[in-house]
Amino acid sequence: MHNIVIIGNGISGITTARHVRKLSDHKITVISAETDHFFSRTALMYIYMGHMKYEHTKPYEDWFWKKNRIDLKRAFVEKVDTEGKTLHFSDGETMPYDKLVIATGSKPNKFGWPGQDLEGVQGLYSYQDLESMEANTKNISRAVIVGGGLIGIEMAEMLRSRNIPVTFLVREESFWDNVLPNGESQMINRHIKEHHIDLRLATELKEIVSDENGRVKSIITGTGETIKCEFVGLTAGVSPNIGLLKGSGIETKRGVLVDPFLKTNIDDVYALGDCAEFLEPNGERKNIEQVWYTGRMMGEALARTLCDKPTKYEPGHWFNSAKFLDIEYQTYGWVWAKAKDNENDFYWEHKNGKICLRLRWDKSTGKLLGVNNLGFRLRHHAFDKWFKEGRTVDYVLEHLKDANFDPELYKTYEAEIIAQFNRENGKNIQLKKKSWKRILDFVS
């Protein structure tokens, strides 16, 4: 029986622990300096907005861990001694391990801005960040957010829920335009402004200015404009949280370097989730995957390896989802910000400017390569199956009703989408009726 120690109680570490327990009687300890129990990190915003309490974000009751013989330790790991297979904690305690799993997640990026460590300046990743934001935003007259990604727009929504005026600095020419094609990006620009958020595109932060008490009182943009504020949210991305590994002998670059089995260069030491960096990327995927569902999949694979059933991390077809205020976003396969030379592109947008669909397919074969949909929902299992079967864009459009996942009686858009596609591409695709038999086949 092995003594398995996991540093980090996020989705990656906890999935590893749960699946090791399903497969074995190994001793399992999960260490976290953040919280006593696993919680849903994506729900932090809803605590601030008053929609949930912290206890509602815990997927498992507190008794779950003892019942499943998963020991929890609240501590900060200061040093990892891989030669002695020992962890050293900030309070002077130590803990031995047989196998070590590093699942330490991410930390908000800072880029050396003057004033970035002032009171009232922070990122949003941990539960402690949420507590700081609660304290830092009391009785303020304006907030500034720096960085136009998913965390930035979540923070803007949080602040607006309390009627706090928000100025949103985005370095790019259009929101998230390094990821989203122009149509989708422009739609989100409009939507942000409609929510009374002062969106400043192509605007960078130069300096954060202090008052006489060491608290932020304003920021200065790259053009020299001063914006008064009492809170600054730094949301310009995240980086792997690996500072505790200095001097351990574990090889790192941006993250902890791992092979397809999530193994590091040190025997019996593994890493996964936001902090892991693959030596070789998996197809079109990035070396570092900071996505909830990939962390879960890594945990399932690593648990089998830890239980003497070596299993590669093989995530399959890319998908992701997010929410831009009240517009839901899903993506399946690969939809780059700009289509590649071998790709055809189709974009449909509803006249209300809040619903759209983009398809990308191979010019020579017609095979579907990627889908973006905003403002309505499509079934993940449908596209996963169609990608596996190598279906063409024509086939997908014919069967688009089967992929629709909006509730019954919601308005549907398939006929309008296909009519525009036929006009633009000289086709005569006919929409087939929804088939529950085909829909059930998606998950069989």
Protein backbone atom coordinates (compact mmCIF):
# COMPACT_ATOMS: atom_id res chain seq x y z
CA MET A 1 0.00 0.00 0.00
CA HIS A 2 1.40 3.40 -1.06
CA ASN A 3 1.32 6.66 0.88
CA ILE A 4 0.03 9.11 -1.78
CA VAL A 5 0.23 12.81 -0.93
CA ILE A 6 -1.52 15.40 -3.11
CA ILE A 7 -0.65 19.11 -2.85
CA GLY A 8 -3.73 21.09 -3.88
CA ASN A 9 -7.44 20.52 -3.33
CA GLY A 10 -8.79 21.85 -6.62
CA ILE A 11 -10.56 19.81 -9.27
CA SER A 12 -7.36 18.04 -10.43
CA GLY A 13 -6.13 16.99 -6.99
CA ILE A 14 -9.55 15.97 -5.69
CA THR A 15 -10.42 13.97 -8.82
CA THR A 16 -7.11 12.12 -8.42
CA ALA A 17 -7.88 11.38 -4.77
CA ARG A 18 -11.44 10.19 -5.42
CA HIS A 19 -10.43 7.87 -8.24
CA VAL A 20 -7.42 6.44 -6.39
CA ARG A 21 -9.84 5.55 -3.60
CA LYS A 22 -12.22 3.89 -6.06
CA LEU A 23 -9.36 1.77 -7.39
CA SER A 24 -7.32 1.00 -4.26
CA ASP A 25 -6.77 1.07 -0.50
CA HIS A 26 -3.73 3.37 -0.73
CA LYS A 27 -3.31 5.97 2.01
CA ILE A 28 -4.34 9.36 0.57
CA THR A 29 -3.62 12.81 2.01
CA VAL A 30 -4.72 16.06 0.34
CA ILE A 31 -2.94 19.24 1.46
CA SER A 32 -4.24 22.77 0.91
CA ALA A 33 -3.40 26.15 2.40
CA GLU A 34 -6.52 27.67 0.81
CA THR A 35 -9.55 25.96 2.36
CA ASP A 36 -10.36 22.93 4.51
CA HIS A 37 -12.55 21.37 1.81
CA PHE A 38 -12.83 21.21 -1.97
CA PHE A 39 -15.13 23.84 -3.45
CA SER A 40 -16.19 24.87 -6.94
CA ARG A 41 -13.78 27.65 -7.93
CA THR A 42 -16.04 28.74 -10.79
CA ALA A 43 -18.74 29.59 -8.23
CA LEU A 44 -16.68 32.22 -6.36
CA MET A 45 -18.38 34.99 -8.32
CA TYR A 46 -21.84 33.84 -7.22
CA ILE A 47 -20.87 34.06 -3.53
CA TYR A 48 -19.93 37.71 -4.04
CA MET A 49 -23.12 38.37 -6.00
CA GLY A 50 -25.25 36.90 -3.21
CA HIS A 51 -26.58 33.97 -5.25
CA MET A 52 -24.82 31.32 -3.15
CA LYS A 53 -23.09 30.85 0.18
CA TYR A 54 -19.66 29.24 0.48
CA GLU A 55 -21.15 25.99 1.82
CA HIS A 56 -23.28 25.73 -1.34
CA THR A 57 -20.11 25.58 -3.47
CA LYS A 58 -18.84 22.37 -1.86
CA PRO A 59 -19.85 19.40 -4.06
CA TYR A 60 -19.36 16.93 -1.18
CA GLU A 61 -20.59 16.97 2.39
CA ASP A 62 -17.88 17.44 5.00
CA TRP A 63 -18.29 13.83 6.20
CA PHE A 64 -17.47 12.49 2.70
CA TRP A 65 -13.71 12.67 3.21
CA LYS A 66 -13.52 10.65 6.42
CA LYS A 67 -15.96 8.08 5.12
CA ASN A 68 -13.80 7.60 2.01
CA ARG A 69 -10.55 7.58 4.01
CA ILE A 70 -9.13 10.69 2.35
CA ASP A 71 -7.15 12.67 4.92
CA LEU A 72 -7.27 16.46 4.63
CA LYS A 73 -4.50 18.72 5.94
CA ARG A 74 -4.68 22.52 6.05
CA ALA A 75 -1.06 23.63 5.65
CA PHE A 76 1.35 25.55 3.43
CA VAL A 77 4.10 23.51 1.79
CA GLU A 78 7.32 25.49 1.93
CA LYS A 79 9.77 22.95 0.52
CA VAL A 80 9.72 19.63 -1.35
CA ASP A 81 12.62 17.29 -0.59
CA THR A 82 12.50 14.72 -3.39
CA GLU A 83 15.64 12.88 -2.24
CA GLY A 84 14.21 12.27 1.22
CA LYS A 85 10.62 12.03 -0.07
CA THR A 86 9.52 14.58 2.53
CA LEU A 87 7.40 17.73 2.52
CA HIS A 88 8.32 20.64 4.78
CA PHE A 89 5.53 22.93 6.01
CA SER A 90 5.73 26.59 6.96
CA ASP A 91 5.01 25.74 10.63
CA GLY A 92 8.06 23.46 10.81
CA GLU A 93 6.19 20.16 10.49
CA THR A 94 7.16 17.53 7.91
CA MET A 95 5.32 14.75 6.08
CA PRO A 96 6.79 11.74 4.23
CA TYR A 97 5.36 10.41 0.97
CA ASP A 98 5.75 7.41 -1.31
CA LYS A 99 4.17 9.10 -4.32
CA LEU A 100 3.67 12.85 -4.66
CA VAL A 101 1.08 14.65 -6.81
CA ILE A 102 1.53 18.37 -7.47
CA ALA A 103 -1.83 20.02 -8.20
CA THR A 104 -1.11 23.55 -7.03
CA GLY A 105 -3.11 25.39 -9.69
CA SER A 106 -2.45 28.94 -10.87
CA LYS A 107 -1.79 32.44 -9.56
CA PRO A 108 -2.82 35.77 -11.15
CA ASN A 109 -0.24 37.38 -13.45
CA LYS A 110 1.54 40.56 -12.47
CA PHE A 111 3.73 42.40 -14.96
CA GLY A 112 5.76 44.73 -12.76
CA TRP A 113 3.34 47.65 -12.90
CA PRO A 114 4.21 50.43 -10.45
CA GLY A 115 1.74 50.19 -7.57
CA GLN A 116 0.63 46.61 -8.30
CA ASP A 117 1.05 45.62 -4.62
CA LEU A 118 -0.91 48.51 -3.13
CA GLU A 119 -3.88 47.92 -0.85
CA GLY A 120 -7.01 47.57 -2.98
CA VAL A 121 -5.15 45.93 -5.88
CA GLN A 122 -5.68 42.19 -6.39
CA GLY A 123 -6.41 39.27 -8.67
CA LEU A 124 -9.25 36.76 -8.41
CA TYR A 125 -8.33 33.08 -8.20
CA SER A 126 -8.49 31.79 -4.62
CA TYR A 127 -11.03 31.90 -1.82
CA GLN A 128 -8.72 34.36 -0.06
CA ASP A 129 -8.95 36.60 -3.15
CA LEU A 130 -12.74 36.55 -2.79
CA GLU A 131 -12.45 37.56 0.87
CA SER A 132 -10.05 40.37 -0.08
CA MET A 133 -12.41 41.58 -2.80
CA GLU A 134 -15.27 41.64 -0.33
CA ALA A 135 -13.23 43.91 1.96
CA ASN A 136 -11.59 45.98 -0.79
CA THR A 137 -14.82 46.96 -2.56
CA LYS A 138 -16.80 48.25 0.42
CA ASN A 139 -18.00 51.85 -0.11
CA ILE A 140 -15.91 52.47 -3.23
CA SER A 141 -16.96 54.84 -6.00
CA ARG A 142 -15.20 53.18 -8.98
CA ALA A 143 -13.26 50.04 -9.87
CA VAL A 144 -10.80 49.46 -12.71
CA ILE A 145 -10.21 46.02 -14.19
CA VAL A 146 -7.02 45.33 -16.13
CA GLY A 147 -7.06 42.45 -18.62
CA GLY A 148 -9.72 41.30 -21.05
CA GLY A 149 -10.14 37.58 -20.43
CA LEU A 150 -12.75 35.39 -18.78
CA ILE A 151 -11.78 36.32 -15.21
CA GLY A 152 -11.95 40.02 -16.13
CA ILE A 153 -15.49 39.85 -17.42
CA GLU A 154 -16.55 37.77 -14.40
CA MET A 155 -15.11 40.40 -12.07
CA ALA A 156 -16.91 43.14 -13.99
CA GLU A 157 -20.21 41.28 -13.59
CA MET A 158 -19.54 40.83 -9.87
CA LEU A 159 -18.88 44.53 -9.33
CA ARG A 160 -21.87 45.64 -11.43
CA SER A 161 -24.13 43.37 -9.32
CA ARG A 162 -23.41 45.85 -6.50
CA ASN A 163 -23.85 48.88 -8.77
CA ILE A 164 -20.16 49.74 -8.59
CA PRO A 165 -19.06 51.70 -11.70
CA VAL A 166 -16.43 49.75 -13.64
CA THR A 167 -13.79 50.82 -16.16
CA PHE A 168 -12.47 47.79 -18.07
CA LEU A 169 -9.02 48.15 -19.69
CA VAL A 170 -8.42 45.71 -22.56
CA ARG A 171 -5.06 45.78 -24.32
CA GLU A 172 -6.39 44.18 -27.51
CA GLU A 173 -8.28 46.01 -30.26
CA SER A 174 -11.39 43.95 -29.45
CA PHE A 175 -12.43 41.80 -26.49
CA TRP A 176 -10.59 38.44 -26.33
CA ASP A 177 -9.70 38.78 -30.02
CA ASN A 178 -6.69 36.48 -29.62
CA VAL A 179 -9.26 33.70 -29.10
CA LEU A 180 -12.55 34.85 -30.63
CA PRO A 181 -13.03 35.65 -34.34
CA ASN A 182 -14.11 39.18 -35.10
CA GLY A 183 -17.90 38.60 -35.23
CA GLU A 184 -18.06 37.00 -31.78
CA SER A 185 -15.60 39.50 -30.30
CA GLN A 186 -17.58 42.49 -31.60
CA MET A 187 -20.78 40.98 -30.19
CA ILE A 188 -19.21 40.77 -26.73
CA ASN A 189 -17.87 44.34 -27.02
CA ARG A 190 -21.42 45.57 -27.56
CA HIS A 191 -22.80 43.39 -24.79
CA ILE A 192 -20.27 44.65 -22.25
CA LYS A 193 -21.15 48.26 -23.04
CA GLU A 194 -24.88 47.51 -22.83
CA HIS A 195 -24.26 46.43 -19.23
CA HIS A 196 -22.98 49.93 -18.43
CA ILE A 197 -19.36 48.87 -18.22
CA ASP A 198 -16.87 51.49 -19.42
CA LEU A 199 -14.95 49.30 -21.90
CA ARG A 200 -11.63 50.81 -23.03
CA LEU A 201 -10.22 48.81 -25.94
CA ALA A 202 -6.57 49.09 -27.05
CA THR A 203 -5.77 50.58 -23.65
CA GLU A 204 -2.94 49.48 -21.37
CA LEU A 205 -2.14 50.12 -17.74
CA LYS A 206 0.95 52.24 -17.08
CA GLU A 207 0.82 52.85 -13.33
CA ILE A 208 -1.31 52.41 -10.20
CA VAL A 209 -1.17 55.50 -7.99
CA SER A 210 -1.18 55.43 -4.18
CA ASP A 211 -2.84 57.73 -1.68
CA GLU A 212 -1.08 58.79 1.53
CA ASN A 213 -2.14 55.54 3.26
CA GLY A 214 -0.75 53.09 0.70
CA ARG A 215 -4.11 52.44 -0.94
CA VAL A 216 -4.90 52.82 -4.63
CA LYS A 217 -6.47 56.17 -5.51
CA SER A 218 -6.19 56.14 -9.32
CA ILE A 219 -4.55 54.52 -12.33
CA ILE A 220 -2.71 56.03 -15.28
CA THR A 221 -3.24 54.49 -18.74
CA GLY A 222 -0.64 54.10 -21.46
CA THR A 223 -1.91 57.32 -23.08
CA GLY A 224 -1.44 59.28 -19.84
CA GLU A 225 -5.10 59.47 -18.82
CA THR A 226 -5.77 59.36 -15.06
CA ILE A 227 -8.82 57.41 -13.87
CA LYS A 228 -9.81 57.77 -10.22
CA CYS A 229 -10.64 54.50 -8.48
CA GLU A 230 -10.34 52.73 -5.11
CA PHE A 231 -10.07 49.17 -6.43
CA VAL A 232 -8.01 47.61 -9.23
CA GLY A 233 -8.62 44.04 -10.40
CA LEU A 234 -5.63 42.45 -12.14
CA THR A 235 -7.07 39.85 -14.50
CA ALA A 236 -4.40 39.64 -17.21
CA GLY A 237 -4.28 35.86 -17.14
CA VAL A 238 -2.77 33.35 -14.72
CA SER A 239 0.49 31.41 -14.42
CA PRO A 240 1.31 28.01 -12.87
CA ASN A 241 1.77 28.24 -9.10
CA ILE A 242 5.09 26.41 -8.70
CA GLY A 243 7.20 28.59 -6.41
CA LEU A 244 7.30 25.88 -3.71
CA LEU A 245 9.33 23.61 -6.05
CA LYS A 246 12.51 25.73 -6.09
CA GLY A 247 15.51 23.58 -5.21
CA SER A 248 13.49 20.35 -5.42
CA GLY A 249 15.16 19.05 -8.59
CA ILE A 250 11.76 18.86 -10.29
CA GLU A 251 12.15 20.29 -13.80
CA THR A 252 10.02 23.31 -14.62
CA LYS A 253 9.61 25.94 -17.32
CA ARG A 254 6.41 27.95 -17.06
CA GLY A 255 4.88 24.93 -15.32
CA VAL A 256 5.97 21.53 -14.01
CA LEU A 257 7.26 19.53 -16.98
CA VAL A 258 5.42 16.23 -17.44
CA ASP A 259 5.17 13.40 -19.97
CA PRO A 260 1.85 12.01 -21.32
CA PHE A 261 1.49 9.96 -18.09
CA LEU A 262 1.76 13.20 -16.07
CA LYS A 263 5.10 12.04 -14.65
CA THR A 264 7.88 14.52 -13.87
CA ASN A 265 11.63 13.91 -14.23
CA ILE A 266 11.71 12.65 -10.62
CA ASP A 267 10.54 9.12 -9.84
CA ASP A 268 7.21 8.94 -7.99
CA VAL A 269 6.46 12.64 -8.54
CA TYR A 270 3.57 13.69 -10.79
CA ALA A 271 1.87 16.97 -11.71
CA LEU A 272 -1.46 17.84 -13.32
CA GLY A 273 -4.00 20.57 -13.86
CA ASP A 274 -3.17 24.26 -14.22
CA CYS A 275 0.40 23.84 -12.93
CA ALA A 276 1.45 21.08 -15.38
CA GLU A 277 3.29 21.77 -18.64
CA PHE A 278 3.50 18.96 -21.19
CA LEU A 279 6.91 18.32 -22.73
CA GLU A 280 5.13 17.66 -26.03
CA PRO A 281 1.77 19.30 -26.84
CA ASN A 282 -1.17 17.00 -27.62
CA GLY A 283 -2.08 17.84 -31.22
CA GLU A 284 -3.29 21.45 -31.45
CA ARG A 285 -3.60 21.78 -27.68
CA LYS A 286 -1.37 24.09 -25.66
CA ASN A 287 1.38 22.72 -23.41
CA ILE A 288 -0.47 24.15 -20.40
CA GLU A 289 -4.23 23.52 -20.20
CA GLN A 290 -5.90 25.70 -17.59
CA VAL A 291 -9.44 24.44 -18.05
CA TRP A 292 -11.72 22.81 -15.47
CA TYR A 293 -12.70 19.75 -17.49
CA THR A 294 -9.12 18.94 -18.55
CA GLY A 295 -8.08 19.03 -14.89
CA ARG A 296 -10.77 16.47 -14.13
CA MET A 297 -9.70 14.23 -17.03
CA MET A 298 -6.06 14.44 -15.97
CA GLY A 299 -7.07 13.36 -12.46
CA GLU A 300 -8.92 10.32 -13.75
CA ALA A 301 -5.95 9.25 -15.89
CA LEU A 302 -3.36 9.84 -13.17
CA ALA A 303 -5.35 7.87 -10.59
CA ARG A 304 -5.09 4.78 -12.78
CA THR A 305 -1.33 5.27 -13.18
CA LEU A 306 -0.91 5.65 -9.40
CA CYS A 307 -2.79 2.36 -9.00
CA ASP A 308 -0.35 0.49 -11.27
CA LYS A 309 -2.48 0.82 -14.40
CA PRO A 310 -0.35 3.25 -16.48
CA THR A 311 -2.72 5.51 -18.43
CA LYS A 312 -1.89 8.37 -20.78
CA TYR A 313 -3.81 11.61 -20.61
CA GLU A 314 -5.81 11.54 -23.84
CA PRO A 315 -8.42 14.30 -23.72
CA GLY A 316 -10.02 13.77 -27.14
CA HIS A 317 -11.64 16.63 -29.02
CA TRP A 318 -11.30 20.13 -27.62
CA PHE A 319 -14.32 21.79 -26.08
CA ASN A 320 -14.88 24.63 -23.65
CA SER A 321 -17.66 26.83 -22.32
CA ALA A 322 -17.94 30.16 -20.57
CA LYS A 323 -20.37 32.98 -19.93
CA PHE A 324 -19.99 36.60 -21.02
CA LEU A 325 -22.39 38.29 -18.60
CA ASP A 326 -25.66 36.64 -19.72
CA ILE A 327 -24.47 35.30 -23.09
CA GLU A 328 -23.43 31.65 -22.92
CA TYR A 329 -20.46 30.55 -25.05
CA GLN A 330 -19.54 27.06 -26.23
CA THR A 331 -16.78 25.93 -28.56
CA TYR A 332 -16.11 22.48 -30.03
CA GLY A 333 -13.09 21.47 -32.09
CA TRP A 334 -10.81 24.25 -33.32
CA VAL A 335 -12.03 27.73 -34.19
CA TRP A 336 -9.03 30.04 -34.39
CA ALA A 337 -9.34 33.82 -34.22
CA LYS A 338 -8.43 33.84 -37.93
CA ALA A 339 -9.24 30.94 -40.25
CA LYS A 340 -6.25 28.97 -41.55
CA ASP A 341 -5.50 28.69 -45.29
CA ASN A 342 -7.10 25.24 -45.54
CA GLU A 343 -10.31 26.31 -43.77
CA ASN A 344 -13.66 27.61 -44.97
CA ASP A 345 -15.64 29.83 -42.64
CA PHE A 346 -19.35 30.50 -42.06
CA TYR A 347 -20.81 33.00 -39.59
CA TRP A 348 -24.47 33.57 -38.78
CA GLU A 349 -25.70 36.17 -36.32
CA HIS A 350 -29.27 36.72 -35.20
CA LYS A 351 -30.73 40.17 -35.79
CA ASN A 352 -30.88 40.78 -32.02
CA GLY A 353 -27.05 40.77 -31.96
CA LYS A 354 -26.83 38.34 -29.03
CA ILE A 355 -26.95 34.92 -30.72
CA CYS A 356 -24.52 33.53 -33.28
CA LEU A 357 -23.01 30.40 -34.81
CA ARG A 358 -19.66 29.96 -36.54
CA LEU A 359 -18.57 26.84 -38.44
CA ARG A 360 -15.12 26.01 -39.78
CA TRP A 361 -14.48 23.12 -42.17
CA ASP A 362 -11.74 21.72 -44.37
CA LYS A 363 -11.79 23.19 -47.89
CA SER A 364 -10.82 19.96 -49.62
CA THR A 365 -12.83 17.36 -47.67
CA GLY A 366 -15.73 19.38 -46.26
CA LYS A 367 -15.03 17.81 -42.86
CA LEU A 368 -16.15 19.90 -39.89
CA LEU A 369 -13.21 21.30 -37.89
CA GLY A 370 -14.80 23.56 -35.31
CA VAL A 371 -17.91 25.29 -33.97
CA ASN A 372 -18.55 28.42 -31.90
CA ASN A 373 -22.03 29.09 -30.60
CA LEU A 374 -23.11 32.00 -28.41
CA GLY A 375 -26.53 32.69 -26.93
CA PHE A 376 -27.95 29.20 -27.48
CA ARG A 377 -26.85 25.74 -26.41
CA LEU A 378 -25.69 22.76 -28.44
CA ARG A 379 -25.02 19.21 -27.25
CA HIS A 380 -21.38 18.42 -26.51
CA HIS A 381 -21.98 14.70 -27.13
CA ALA A 382 -23.34 15.42 -30.60
CA PHE A 383 -20.22 17.22 -31.78
CA ASP A 384 -17.90 14.76 -30.04
CA LYS A 385 -19.54 11.94 -32.00
CA TRP A 386 -19.57 13.87 -35.28
CA PHE A 387 -15.87 14.74 -34.95
CA LYS A 388 -15.04 11.09 -34.23
CA GLU A 389 -17.03 10.02 -37.30
CA GLY A 390 -15.39 12.69 -39.49
CA ARG A 391 -18.74 14.21 -40.50
CA THR A 392 -18.91 17.00 -43.07
CA VAL A 393 -20.31 20.44 -42.46
CA ASP A 394 -23.25 19.55 -44.74
CA TYR A 395 -24.12 16.53 -42.59
CA VAL A 396 -23.88 18.56 -39.39
CA LEU A 397 -26.21 21.25 -40.72
CA GLU A 398 -28.72 18.66 -41.93
CA HIS A 399 -28.80 17.21 -38.39
CA LEU A 400 -28.45 20.47 -36.46
CA LYS A 401 -31.80 19.96 -34.72
CA ASP A 402 -30.34 16.86 -33.03
CA ALA A 403 -27.63 19.01 -31.44
CA ASN A 404 -29.97 21.67 -30.06
CA PHE A 405 -29.87 21.58 -26.25
CA ASP A 406 -32.06 24.56 -25.40
CA PRO A 407 -35.13 23.78 -23.26
CA GLU A 408 -38.42 22.81 -24.89
CA LEU A 409 -40.42 25.73 -26.35
CA TYR A 410 -37.31 27.90 -26.77
CA LYS A 411 -37.08 29.51 -30.16
CA THR A 412 -34.93 27.60 -32.66
CA TYR A 413 -32.74 29.04 -35.41
CA GLU A 414 -31.74 26.06 -37.57
CA ALA A 415 -33.85 26.98 -40.60
CA GLU A 416 -32.52 30.55 -40.66
CA ILE A 417 -28.93 29.31 -40.29
CA ILE A 418 -29.24 26.79 -43.12
CA ALA A 419 -30.95 29.28 -45.44
CA GLN A 420 -28.02 31.70 -45.07
CA PHE A 421 -25.47 28.88 -45.49
CA ASN A 422 -27.17 27.72 -48.69
CA ARG A 423 -27.19 31.25 -50.11
CA GLU A 424 -23.54 31.87 -49.36
CA ASN A 425 -22.25 28.47 -50.47
CA GLY A 426 -24.54 27.56 -53.39
CA LYS A 427 -25.94 24.54 -51.54
CA ASN A 428 -29.37 23.04 -51.08
CA ILE A 429 -29.07 21.48 -47.64
CA GLN A 430 -32.38 20.35 -46.16
CA LEU A 431 -32.87 20.30 -42.40
CA LYS A 432 -33.87 16.88 -41.06
CA LYS A 433 -36.39 16.42 -38.27
CA LYS A 434 -35.09 15.93 -34.75
CA SER A 435 -34.55 12.24 -33.99
CA TRP A 436 -34.47 11.11 -30.37
CA LYS A 437 -32.96 7.82 -31.50
CA ARG A 438 -29.96 9.68 -32.94
CA ILE A 439 -29.78 11.88 -29.84
CA LEU A 440 -29.66 8.82 -27.56
CA ASP A 441 -26.94 7.36 -29.79
CA PHE A 442 -24.71 10.35 -28.92
CA VAL A 443 -24.23 9.04 -25.37
CA SER A 444 -24.47 5.31 -25.99
